[in-house]
């Protein structure tokens, strides 16, 4: 991805969002996680108004990723890692 210039093009898009003078409206229909949420006209880059469906999730990361990080040692010690991960999620 880095060699293909994805990061450069993404940075240009982010810059354009930040510098836009038109009203920016965001509708979150399902999940808004981490950096992807930040670049999609969120409040962090001066989005004017954000709407979200009641079942939408806005977070730094999803619960699966958070469980893997926060409970890494417990999952490694468990006899059945998949079952322990499912219990913690």
PDB file of N, CA and C in Angstrom:
ATOM      1  N   UNK A   1       0.823  -1.189   0.000  1.00  0.00           N
ATOM      2  CA  UNK A   1       0.000   0.000   0.000  1.00  0.00           C
ATOM      3  C   UNK A   1       0.866   1.252   0.000  1.00  0.00           C
ATOM      4  N   UNK A   2       1.942   1.220   0.785  1.00  0.00           N
ATOM      5  CA  UNK A   2       2.796   2.391   0.838  1.00  0.00           C
ATOM      6  C   UNK A   2       3.481   2.624  -0.499  1.00  0.00           C
ATOM      7  N   UNK A   3       3.902   1.536  -1.153  1.00  0.00           N
ATOM      8  CA  UNK A   3       4.589   1.683  -2.424  1.00  0.00           C
ATOM      9  C   UNK A   3       3.643   2.157  -3.519  1.00  0.00           C
ATOM     10  N   UNK A   4       2.372   1.823  -3.403  1.00  0.00           N
ATOM     11  CA  UNK A   4       1.390   2.230  -4.402  1.00  0.00           C
ATOM     12  C   UNK A   4       0.909   3.660  -4.230  1.00  0.00           C
ATOM     13  N   UNK A   5       1.345   4.340  -3.184  1.00  0.00           N
ATOM     14  CA  UNK A   5       0.967   5.733  -2.980  1.00  0.00           C
ATOM     15  C   UNK A   5      -0.372   5.927  -2.293  1.00  0.00           C
ATOM     16  N   UNK A   6      -0.903   4.873  -1.689  1.00  0.00           N
ATOM     17  CA  UNK A   6      -2.207   4.969  -1.023  1.00  0.00           C
ATOM     18  C   UNK A   6      -2.176   6.017   0.083  1.00  0.00           C
ATOM     19  N   UNK A   7      -1.104   6.016   0.875  1.00  0.00           N
ATOM     20  CA  UNK A   7      -1.011   6.951   1.997  1.00  0.00           C
ATOM     21  C   UNK A   7      -0.974   8.386   1.489  1.00  0.00           C
ATOM     22  N   UNK A   8      -0.234   8.636   0.441  1.00  0.00           N
ATOM     23  CA  UNK A   8      -0.153   9.983  -0.128  1.00  0.00           C
ATOM     24  C   UNK A   8      -1.517  10.452  -0.620  1.00  0.00           C
ATOM     25  N   UNK A   9      -2.227   9.594  -1.327  1.00  0.00           N
ATOM     26  CA  UNK A   9      -3.551   9.972  -1.828  1.00  0.00           C
ATOM     27  C   UNK A   9      -4.540  10.165  -0.684  1.00  0.00           C
ATOM     28  N   UNK A  10      -4.434   9.330   0.340  1.00  0.00           N
ATOM     29  CA  UNK A  10      -5.287   9.490   1.516  1.00  0.00           C
ATOM     30  C   UNK A  10      -5.009  10.802   2.230  1.00  0.00           C
ATOM     31  N   UNK A  11      -3.747  11.188   2.301  1.00  0.00           N
ATOM     32  CA  UNK A  11      -3.383  12.458   2.943  1.00  0.00           C
ATOM     33  C   UNK A  11      -3.943  13.641   2.157  1.00  0.00           C
ATOM     34  N   UNK A  12      -3.923  13.545   0.844  1.00  0.00           N
ATOM     35  CA  UNK A  12      -4.498  14.613   0.017  1.00  0.00           C
ATOM     36  C   UNK A  12      -6.003  14.737   0.252  1.00  0.00           C
ATOM     37  N   UNK A  13      -6.678  13.597   0.368  1.00  0.00           N
ATOM     38  CA  UNK A  13      -8.113  13.602   0.633  1.00  0.00           C
ATOM     39  C   UNK A  13      -8.401  14.205   2.001  1.00  0.00           C
ATOM     40  N   UNK A  14      -7.632  13.815   3.000  1.00  0.00           N
ATOM     41  CA  UNK A  14      -7.801  14.353   4.347  1.00  0.00           C
ATOM     42  C   UNK A  14      -7.579  15.861   4.359  1.00  0.00           C
ATOM     43  N   UNK A  15      -6.563  16.329   3.672  1.00  0.00           N
ATOM     44  CA  UNK A  15      -6.285  17.760   3.589  1.00  0.00           C
ATOM     45  C   UNK A  15      -7.460  18.493   2.939  1.00  0.00           C
ATOM     46  N   UNK A  16      -8.004  17.922   1.878  1.00  0.00           N
ATOM     47  CA  UNK A  16      -9.144  18.550   1.198  1.00  0.00           C
ATOM     48  C   UNK A  16     -10.355  18.632   2.120  1.00  0.00           C
ATOM     49  N   UNK A  17     -10.627  17.576   2.877  1.00  0.00           N
ATOM     50  CA  UNK A  17     -11.728  17.616   3.851  1.00  0.00           C
ATOM     51  C   UNK A  17     -11.506  18.717   4.880  1.00  0.00           C
ATOM     52  N   UNK A  18     -10.291  18.808   5.390  1.00  0.00           N
ATOM     53  CA  UNK A  18      -9.996  19.786   6.443  1.00  0.00           C
ATOM     54  C   UNK A  18     -10.117  21.218   5.946  1.00  0.00           C
ATOM     55  N   UNK A  19      -9.751  21.460   4.719  1.00  0.00           N
ATOM     56  CA  UNK A  19      -9.741  22.815   4.182  1.00  0.00           C
ATOM     57  C   UNK A  19     -11.044  23.220   3.498  1.00  0.00           C
ATOM     58  N   UNK A  20     -11.964  22.307   3.318  1.00  0.00           N
ATOM     59  CA  UNK A  20     -13.228  22.622   2.642  1.00  0.00           C
ATOM     60  C   UNK A  20     -14.015  23.665   3.437  1.00  0.00           C
ATOM     61  N   UNK A  21     -14.629  24.588   2.719  1.00  0.00           N
ATOM     62  CA  UNK A  21     -15.405  25.651   3.373  1.00  0.00           C
ATOM     63  C   UNK A  21     -16.904  25.408   3.276  1.00  0.00           C
ATOM     64  N   UNK A  22     -17.305  24.359   2.597  1.00  0.00           N
ATOM     65  CA  UNK A  22     -18.728  24.027   2.497  1.00  0.00           C
ATOM     66  C   UNK A  22     -19.138  23.251   3.744  1.00  0.00           C
ATOM     67  N   UNK A  23     -20.431  23.224   4.078  1.00  0.00           N
ATOM     68  CA  UNK A  23     -20.864  22.433   5.234  1.00  0.00           C
ATOM     69  C   UNK A  23     -20.569  20.945   5.015  1.00  0.00           C
ATOM     70  N   UNK A  24     -20.067  20.299   6.050  1.00  0.00           N
ATOM     71  CA  UNK A  24     -19.733  18.873   5.961  1.00  0.00           C
ATOM     72  C   UNK A  24     -20.669  18.092   6.877  1.00  0.00           C
ATOM     73  N   UNK A  25     -21.435  17.191   6.281  1.00  0.00           N
ATOM     74  CA  UNK A  25     -22.411  16.383   7.007  1.00  0.00           C
ATOM     75  C   UNK A  25     -21.977  14.924   6.910  1.00  0.00           C
ATOM     76  N   UNK A  26     -21.960  14.243   8.038  1.00  0.00           N
ATOM     77  CA  UNK A  26     -21.553  12.843   8.085  1.00  0.00           C
ATOM     78  C   UNK A  26     -22.713  11.994   8.580  1.00  0.00           C
ATOM     79  N   UNK A  27     -22.951  10.874   7.919  1.00  0.00           N
ATOM     80  CA  UNK A  27     -23.959   9.910   8.356  1.00  0.00           C
ATOM     81  C   UNK A  27     -23.264   8.573   8.569  1.00  0.00           C
ATOM     82  N   UNK A  28     -23.248   8.120   9.802  1.00  0.00           N
ATOM     83  CA  UNK A  28     -22.629   6.841  10.128  1.00  0.00           C
ATOM     84  C   UNK A  28     -23.732   5.795  10.118  1.00  0.00           C
ATOM     85  N   UNK A  29     -23.613   4.863   9.191  1.00  0.00           N
ATOM     86  CA  UNK A  29     -24.670   3.872   9.013  1.00  0.00           C
ATOM     87  C   UNK A  29     -24.402   2.569   9.752  1.00  0.00           C
ATOM     88  N   UNK A  30     -23.144   2.319  10.108  1.00  0.00           N
ATOM     89  CA  UNK A  30     -22.851   1.052  10.779  1.00  0.00           C
ATOM     90  C   UNK A  30     -21.724   1.202  11.790  1.00  0.00           C
ATOM     91  N   UNK A  31     -20.468   1.221  11.314  1.00  0.00           N
ATOM     92  CA  UNK A  31     -19.330   1.284  12.226  1.00  0.00           C
ATOM     93  C   UNK A  31     -18.382   2.395  11.798  1.00  0.00           C
ATOM     94  N   UNK A  32     -17.886   3.131  12.759  1.00  0.00           N
ATOM     95  CA  UNK A  32     -16.871   4.149  12.525  1.00  0.00           C
ATOM     96  C   UNK A  32     -15.736   3.913  13.501  1.00  0.00           C
ATOM     97  N   UNK A  33     -14.656   3.289  13.027  1.00  0.00           N
ATOM     98  CA  UNK A  33     -13.560   2.913  13.914  1.00  0.00           C
ATOM     99  C   UNK A  33     -12.273   3.628  13.526  1.00  0.00           C
ATOM    100  N   UNK A  34     -11.532   4.054  14.527  1.00  0.00           N
ATOM    101  CA  UNK A  34     -10.161   4.518  14.387  1.00  0.00           C
ATOM    102  C   UNK A  34      -9.906   5.558  13.322  1.00  0.00           C
ATOM    103  N   UNK A  35      -8.805   5.362  12.614  1.00  0.00           N
ATOM    104  CA  UNK A  35      -8.374   6.317  11.603  1.00  0.00           C
ATOM    105  C   UNK A  35      -9.362   6.479  10.470  1.00  0.00           C
ATOM    106  N   UNK A  36     -10.054   5.419  10.117  1.00  0.00           N
ATOM    107  CA  UNK A  36     -11.044   5.514   9.039  1.00  0.00           C
ATOM    108  C   UNK A  36     -12.155   6.482   9.424  1.00  0.00           C
ATOM    109  N   UNK A  37     -12.594   6.423  10.667  1.00  0.00           N
ATOM    110  CA  UNK A  37     -13.621   7.365  11.129  1.00  0.00           C
ATOM    111  C   UNK A  37     -13.077   8.787  11.113  1.00  0.00           C
ATOM    112  N   UNK A  38     -11.833   8.947  11.541  1.00  0.00           N
ATOM    113  CA  UNK A  38     -11.243  10.284  11.582  1.00  0.00           C
ATOM    114  C   UNK A  38     -11.224  10.944  10.213  1.00  0.00           C
ATOM    115  N   UNK A  39     -10.863  10.194   9.196  1.00  0.00           N
ATOM    116  CA  UNK A  39     -10.749  10.799   7.872  1.00  0.00           C
ATOM    117  C   UNK A  39     -12.065  10.987   7.149  1.00  0.00           C
ATOM    118  N   UNK A  40     -13.118  10.366   7.604  1.00  0.00           N
ATOM    119  CA  UNK A  40     -14.393  10.491   6.897  1.00  0.00           C
ATOM    120  C   UNK A  40     -15.236  11.626   7.466  1.00  0.00           C
ATOM    121  N   UNK A  41     -14.653  12.800   7.491  1.00  0.00           N
ATOM    122  CA  UNK A  41     -15.349  14.028   7.876  1.00  0.00           C
ATOM    123  C   UNK A  41     -15.938  13.970   9.283  1.00  0.00           C
ATOM    124  N   UNK A  42     -15.165  13.459  10.218  1.00  0.00           N
ATOM    125  CA  UNK A  42     -15.613  13.386  11.610  1.00  0.00           C
ATOM    126  C   UNK A  42     -15.463  14.746  12.280  1.00  0.00           C
ATOM    127  N   UNK A  43     -15.861  14.818  13.521  1.00  0.00           N
ATOM    128  CA  UNK A  43     -15.693  16.053  14.290  1.00  0.00           C
ATOM    129  C   UNK A  43     -14.219  16.414  14.443  1.00  0.00           C
ATOM    130  N   UNK A  44     -13.342  15.426  14.390  1.00  0.00           N
ATOM    131  CA  UNK A  44     -11.913  15.680  14.551  1.00  0.00           C
ATOM    132  C   UNK A  44     -11.363  16.565  13.438  1.00  0.00           C
ATOM    133  N   UNK A  45     -11.963  16.504  12.271  1.00  0.00           N
ATOM    134  CA  UNK A  45     -11.489  17.345  11.169  1.00  0.00           C
ATOM    135  C   UNK A  45     -12.542  18.377  10.782  1.00  0.00           C
ATOM    136  N   UNK A  46     -13.230  18.864  11.766  1.00  0.00           N
ATOM    137  CA  UNK A  46     -14.188  19.964  11.634  1.00  0.00           C
ATOM    138  C   UNK A  46     -15.405  19.617  10.780  1.00  0.00           C
ATOM    139  N   UNK A  47     -15.923  18.427  10.928  1.00  0.00           N
ATOM    140  CA  UNK A  47     -17.208  18.114  10.310  1.00  0.00           C
ATOM    141  C   UNK A  47     -18.281  18.937  11.012  1.00  0.00           C
ATOM    142  N   UNK A  48     -19.194  19.516  10.269  1.00  0.00           N
ATOM    143  CA  UNK A  48     -20.172  20.426  10.866  1.00  0.00           C
ATOM    144  C   UNK A  48     -21.244  19.702  11.671  1.00  0.00           C
ATOM    145  N   UNK A  49     -21.717  18.581  11.151  1.00  0.00           N
ATOM    146  CA  UNK A  49     -22.745  17.839  11.884  1.00  0.00           C
ATOM    147  C   UNK A  49     -22.592  16.355  11.573  1.00  0.00           C
ATOM    148  N   UNK A  50     -22.747  15.556  12.594  1.00  0.00           N
ATOM    149  CA  UNK A  50     -22.648  14.104  12.447  1.00  0.00           C
ATOM    150  C   UNK A  50     -23.960  13.468  12.861  1.00  0.00           C
ATOM    151  N   UNK A  51     -24.440  12.566  12.033  1.00  0.00           N
ATOM    152  CA  UNK A  51     -25.620  11.771  12.349  1.00  0.00           C
ATOM    153  C   UNK A  51     -25.185  10.314  12.420  1.00  0.00           C
ATOM    154  N   UNK A  52     -25.871   9.542  13.241  1.00  0.00           N
ATOM    155  CA  UNK A  52     -25.587   8.111  13.323  1.00  0.00           C
ATOM    156  C   UNK A  52     -26.883   7.381  13.629  1.00  0.00           C
ATOM    157  N   UNK A  53     -27.046   6.233  13.002  1.00  0.00           N
ATOM    158  CA  UNK A  53     -28.182   5.388  13.334  1.00  0.00           C
ATOM    159  C   UNK A  53     -28.031   4.911  14.779  1.00  0.00           C
ATOM    160  N   UNK A  54     -29.127   4.585  15.448  1.00  0.00           N
ATOM    161  CA  UNK A  54     -29.048   4.163  16.852  1.00  0.00           C
ATOM    162  C   UNK A  54     -28.147   2.942  17.083  1.00  0.00           C
ATOM    163  N   UNK A  55     -28.015   2.086  16.099  1.00  0.00           N
ATOM    164  CA  UNK A  55     -27.202   0.878  16.257  1.00  0.00           C
ATOM    165  C   UNK A  55     -25.763   1.060  15.774  1.00  0.00           C
ATOM    166  N   UNK A  56     -25.400   2.266  15.362  1.00  0.00           N
ATOM    167  CA  UNK A  56     -24.037   2.525  14.898  1.00  0.00           C
ATOM    168  C   UNK A  56     -23.042   2.454  16.044  1.00  0.00           C
ATOM    169  N   UNK A  57     -21.809   2.126  15.691  1.00  0.00           N
ATOM    170  CA  UNK A  57     -20.734   2.053  16.673  1.00  0.00           C
ATOM    171  C   UNK A  57     -19.637   3.025  16.270  1.00  0.00           C
ATOM    172  N   UNK A  58     -19.237   3.893  17.196  1.00  0.00           N
ATOM    173  CA  UNK A  58     -18.134   4.818  16.964  1.00  0.00           C
ATOM    174  C   UNK A  58     -17.127   4.574  18.078  1.00  0.00           C
ATOM    175  N   UNK A  59     -15.929   4.164  17.713  1.00  0.00           N
ATOM    176  CA  UNK A  59     -14.936   3.824  18.733  1.00  0.00           C
ATOM    177  C   UNK A  59     -13.534   3.850  18.135  1.00  0.00           C
ATOM    178  N   UNK A  60     -12.553   3.752  19.000  1.00  0.00           N
ATOM    179  CA  UNK A  60     -11.169   3.685  18.556  1.00  0.00           C
ATOM    180  C   UNK A  60     -10.934   2.395  17.780  1.00  0.00           C
ATOM    181  N   UNK A  61     -11.521   1.308  18.263  1.00  0.00           N
ATOM    182  CA  UNK A  61     -11.421   0.019  17.572  1.00  0.00           C
ATOM    183  C   UNK A  61     -12.606  -0.847  17.961  1.00  0.00           C
ATOM    184  N   UNK A  62     -12.792  -1.915  17.224  1.00  0.00           N
ATOM    185  CA  UNK A  62     -13.881  -2.835  17.514  1.00  0.00           C
ATOM    186  C   UNK A  62     -13.609  -3.646  18.768  1.00  0.00           C
ATOM    187  N   UNK A  63     -14.645  -4.260  19.291  1.00  0.00           N
ATOM    188  CA  UNK A  63     -14.500  -5.027  20.530  1.00  0.00           C
ATOM    189  C   UNK A  63     -13.558  -6.216  20.359  1.00  0.00           C
ATOM    190  N   UNK A  64     -13.556  -6.848  19.195  1.00  0.00           N
ATOM    191  CA  UNK A  64     -12.660  -7.991  18.973  1.00  0.00           C
ATOM    192  C   UNK A  64     -11.199  -7.577  19.092  1.00  0.00           C
ATOM    193  N   UNK A  65     -10.849  -6.477  18.444  1.00  0.00           N
ATOM    194  CA  UNK A  65      -9.474  -5.982  18.518  1.00  0.00           C
ATOM    195  C   UNK A  65      -9.091  -5.546  19.914  1.00  0.00           C
ATOM    196  N   UNK A  66     -10.010  -4.892  20.606  1.00  0.00           N
ATOM    197  CA  UNK A  66      -9.733  -4.433  21.969  1.00  0.00           C
ATOM    198  C   UNK A  66      -9.525  -5.611  22.914  1.00  0.00           C
ATOM    199  N   UNK A  67     -10.343  -6.640  22.783  1.00  0.00           N
ATOM    200  CA  UNK A  67     -10.197  -7.828  23.638  1.00  0.00           C
ATOM    201  C   UNK A  67      -8.835  -8.473  23.409  1.00  0.00           C
ATOM    202  N   UNK A  68      -8.409  -8.568  22.156  1.00  0.00           N
ATOM    203  CA  UNK A  68      -7.111  -9.182  21.858  1.00  0.00           C
ATOM    204  C   UNK A  68      -5.958  -8.407  22.483  1.00  0.00           C
ATOM    205  N   UNK A  69      -6.088  -7.100  22.587  1.00  0.00           N
ATOM    206  CA  UNK A  69      -5.024  -6.279  23.169  1.00  0.00           C
ATOM    207  C   UNK A  69      -5.099  -6.270  24.692  1.00  0.00           C
ATOM    208  N   UNK A  70      -6.262  -5.994  25.224  1.00  0.00           N
ATOM    209  CA  UNK A  70      -6.415  -5.831  26.674  1.00  0.00           C
ATOM    210  C   UNK A  70      -6.224  -7.152  27.421  1.00  0.00           C
ATOM    211  N   UNK A  71      -6.747  -8.224  26.869  1.00  0.00           N
ATOM    212  CA  UNK A  71      -6.710  -9.521  27.555  1.00  0.00           C
ATOM    213  C   UNK A  71      -5.733 -10.501  26.903  1.00  0.00           C
ATOM    214  N   UNK A  72      -4.693  -9.988  26.282  1.00  0.00           N
ATOM    215  CA  UNK A  72      -3.734 -10.833  25.571  1.00  0.00           C
ATOM    216  C   UNK A  72      -3.161 -11.935  26.462  1.00  0.00           C
ATOM    217  N   UNK A  73      -2.722 -11.577  27.665  1.00  0.00           N
ATOM    218  CA  UNK A  73      -2.105 -12.568  28.566  1.00  0.00           C
ATOM    219  C   UNK A  73      -3.101 -13.638  29.000  1.00  0.00           C
ATOM    220  N   UNK A  74      -4.323 -13.219  29.312  1.00  0.00           N
ATOM    221  CA  UNK A  74      -5.339 -14.183  29.728  1.00  0.00           C
ATOM    222  C   UNK A  74      -5.671 -15.156  28.600  1.00  0.00           C
ATOM    223  N   UNK A  75      -5.728 -14.642  27.378  1.00  0.00           N
ATOM    224  CA  UNK A  75      -6.033 -15.492  26.223  1.00  0.00           C
ATOM    225  C   UNK A  75      -4.897 -16.481  25.984  1.00  0.00           C
ATOM    226  N   UNK A  76      -3.645 -16.014  26.128  1.00  0.00           N
ATOM    227  CA  UNK A  76      -2.495 -16.905  25.936  1.00  0.00           C
ATOM    228  C   UNK A  76      -2.460 -18.016  26.985  1.00  0.00           C
ATOM    229  N   UNK A  77      -2.866 -17.713  28.221  1.00  0.00           N
ATOM    230  CA  UNK A  77      -2.843 -18.701  29.307  1.00  0.00           C
ATOM    231  C   UNK A  77      -3.998 -19.696  29.230  1.00  0.00           C
ATOM    232  N   UNK A  78      -5.057 -19.330  28.548  1.00  0.00           N
ATOM    233  CA  UNK A  78      -6.256 -20.176  28.506  1.00  0.00           C
ATOM    234  C   UNK A  78      -5.982 -21.475  27.743  1.00  0.00           C
ATOM    235  N   UNK A  79      -6.647 -22.532  28.164  1.00  0.00           N
ATOM    236  CA  UNK A  79      -6.519 -23.821  27.476  1.00  0.00           C
ATOM    237  C   UNK A  79      -7.136 -23.750  26.088  1.00  0.00           C
ATOM    238  N   UNK A  80      -8.280 -23.088  25.984  1.00  0.00           N
ATOM    239  CA  UNK A  80      -8.969 -22.906  24.702  1.00  0.00           C
ATOM    240  C   UNK A  80      -9.044 -21.408  24.414  1.00  0.00           C
ATOM    241  N   UNK A  81      -8.106 -20.927  23.609  1.00  0.00           N
ATOM    242  CA  UNK A  81      -8.000 -19.487  23.341  1.00  0.00           C
ATOM    243  C   UNK A  81      -9.254 -18.931  22.668  1.00  0.00           C
ATOM    244  N   UNK A  82      -9.816 -19.680  21.740  1.00  0.00           N
ATOM    245  CA  UNK A  82     -11.013 -19.202  21.030  1.00  0.00           C
ATOM    246  C   UNK A  82     -12.192 -19.046  21.983  1.00  0.00           C
ATOM    247  N   UNK A  83     -12.366 -19.997  22.871  1.00  0.00           N
ATOM    248  CA  UNK A  83     -13.477 -19.946  23.818  1.00  0.00           C
ATOM    249  C   UNK A  83     -13.286 -18.784  24.800  1.00  0.00           C
ATOM    250  N   UNK A  84     -12.065 -18.582  25.255  1.00  0.00           N
ATOM    251  CA  UNK A  84     -11.782 -17.481  26.182  1.00  0.00           C
ATOM    252  C   UNK A  84     -12.015 -16.130  25.505  1.00  0.00           C
ATOM    253  N   UNK A  85     -11.571 -16.015  24.255  1.00  0.00           N
ATOM    254  CA  UNK A  85     -11.778 -14.777  23.491  1.00  0.00           C
ATOM    255  C   UNK A  85     -13.271 -14.506  23.315  1.00  0.00           C
ATOM    256  N   UNK A  86     -14.030 -15.537  23.009  1.00  0.00           N
ATOM    257  CA  UNK A  86     -15.483 -15.382  22.843  1.00  0.00           C
ATOM    258  C   UNK A  86     -16.142 -14.976  24.158  1.00  0.00           C
ATOM    259  N   UNK A  87     -15.668 -15.535  25.262  1.00  0.00           N
ATOM    260  CA  UNK A  87     -16.226 -15.195  26.575  1.00  0.00           C
ATOM    261  C   UNK A  87     -15.967 -13.729  26.920  1.00  0.00           C
ATOM    262  N   UNK A  88     -14.802 -13.228  26.558  1.00  0.00           N
ATOM    263  CA  UNK A  88     -14.425 -11.853  26.897  1.00  0.00           C
ATOM    264  C   UNK A  88     -15.049 -10.810  25.966  1.00  0.00           C
ATOM    265  N   UNK A  89     -15.439 -11.226  24.783  1.00  0.00           N
ATOM    266  CA  UNK A  89     -15.980 -10.264  23.807  1.00  0.00           C
ATOM    267  C   UNK A  89     -17.382  -9.852  24.125  1.00  0.00           C
TER     268      UNK A  89
END
